[in-house]
Amino acid sequence: MKFLIFTKYRCSYCDRAKTLIEQKGFEYESINIEEDNNIEILLEKNKYARTMPQIFINDKLIGGYTDLVKYFEE
């Protein structure tokens, strides 16, 4: 599985999402939207994104941290 997490600075749910993915034994790519033009990358993938983190698995939008928890519970 390929995890992609869009994050921002000082985001506790972003940190929790990263920790949860690591605890489940997976690696992830993290893109901080506050650096460079990374917000444009996110908006190309999900133009409705308003909160962080935004988590994708194999290029499919899962949602935020709560959605990730539900994903792993299924």
Protein backbone atom coordinates (compact mmCIF):
# COMPACT_ATOMS: atom_id res chain seq x y z
CA MET A 1 0.00 0.00 0.00
CA LYS A 2 1.20 3.49 -0.84
CA PHE A 3 0.24 6.16 1.70
CA LEU A 4 0.42 9.86 0.86
CA ILE A 5 -0.30 12.39 3.60
CA PHE A 6 -0.74 16.11 3.03
CA THR A 7 0.15 17.93 6.24
CA LYS A 8 0.89 21.36 7.65
CA TYR A 9 2.97 22.68 10.53
CA ARG A 10 1.65 22.34 14.09
CA CYS A 11 -1.01 19.80 13.11
CA SER A 12 -1.56 17.23 15.85
CA TYR A 13 -3.88 15.10 13.71
CA CYS A 14 -1.20 15.00 11.01
CA ASP A 15 1.28 13.68 13.57
CA ARG A 16 -1.25 11.13 14.83
CA ALA A 17 -1.90 9.90 11.29
CA LYS A 18 1.81 9.40 10.65
CA THR A 19 2.22 7.53 13.93
CA LEU A 20 -0.77 5.28 13.23
CA ILE A 21 0.51 4.36 9.78
CA GLU A 22 3.94 3.54 11.22
CA GLN A 23 2.36 1.45 14.01
CA LYS A 24 0.50 -0.55 11.37
CA GLY A 25 3.84 -1.30 9.70
CA PHE A 26 3.51 0.91 6.64
CA GLU A 27 5.63 3.68 5.18
CA TYR A 28 4.25 6.94 3.86
CA GLU A 29 5.17 10.01 1.86
CA SER A 30 4.42 13.29 3.60
CA ILE A 31 3.91 16.58 1.76
CA ASN A 32 3.69 19.79 3.78
CA ILE A 33 1.29 22.19 2.06
CA GLU A 34 2.98 25.18 3.70
CA GLU A 35 6.21 24.57 1.79
CA ASP A 36 6.96 25.55 -1.81
CA ASN A 37 3.85 25.21 -4.00
CA ASN A 38 2.67 21.98 -2.41
CA ILE A 39 -0.86 23.32 -1.87
CA GLU A 40 -1.27 23.13 -5.64
CA ILE A 41 -0.44 19.41 -5.61
CA LEU A 42 -3.13 18.82 -2.99
CA LEU A 43 -5.74 20.87 -4.81
CA GLU A 44 -5.08 18.89 -8.00
CA LYS A 45 -5.91 15.71 -6.07
CA ASN A 46 -8.76 17.09 -3.96
CA LYS A 47 -10.03 20.57 -4.77
CA TYR A 48 -12.39 20.43 -1.77
CA ALA A 49 -9.65 19.90 0.83
CA ARG A 50 -10.11 22.29 3.74
CA THR A 51 -8.61 20.43 6.70
CA MET A 52 -5.39 18.54 7.34
CA PRO A 53 -4.31 15.86 7.10
CA GLN A 54 -5.57 14.71 3.73
CA ILE A 55 -4.69 11.04 3.34
CA PHE A 56 -4.54 9.02 0.15
CA ILE A 57 -3.96 5.29 -0.20
CA ASN A 58 -2.87 4.15 -3.65
CA ASP A 59 -3.99 7.56 -4.99
CA LYS A 60 -7.51 7.11 -3.56
CA LEU A 61 -8.70 9.74 -1.08
CA ILE A 62 -9.36 8.24 2.36
CA GLY A 63 -9.98 11.56 4.12
CA GLY A 64 -8.62 12.83 7.41
CA TYR A 65 -7.32 11.21 10.59
CA THR A 66 -10.71 9.88 11.74
CA ASP A 67 -11.27 8.33 8.32
CA LEU A 68 -7.85 6.66 8.56
CA VAL A 69 -8.75 5.16 11.94
CA LYS A 70 -11.99 3.79 10.45
CA TYR A 71 -10.08 2.42 7.46
CA PHE A 72 -7.78 0.40 9.72
CA GLU A 73 -10.72 -0.83 11.82
CA GLU A 74 -12.42 -2.37 8.76
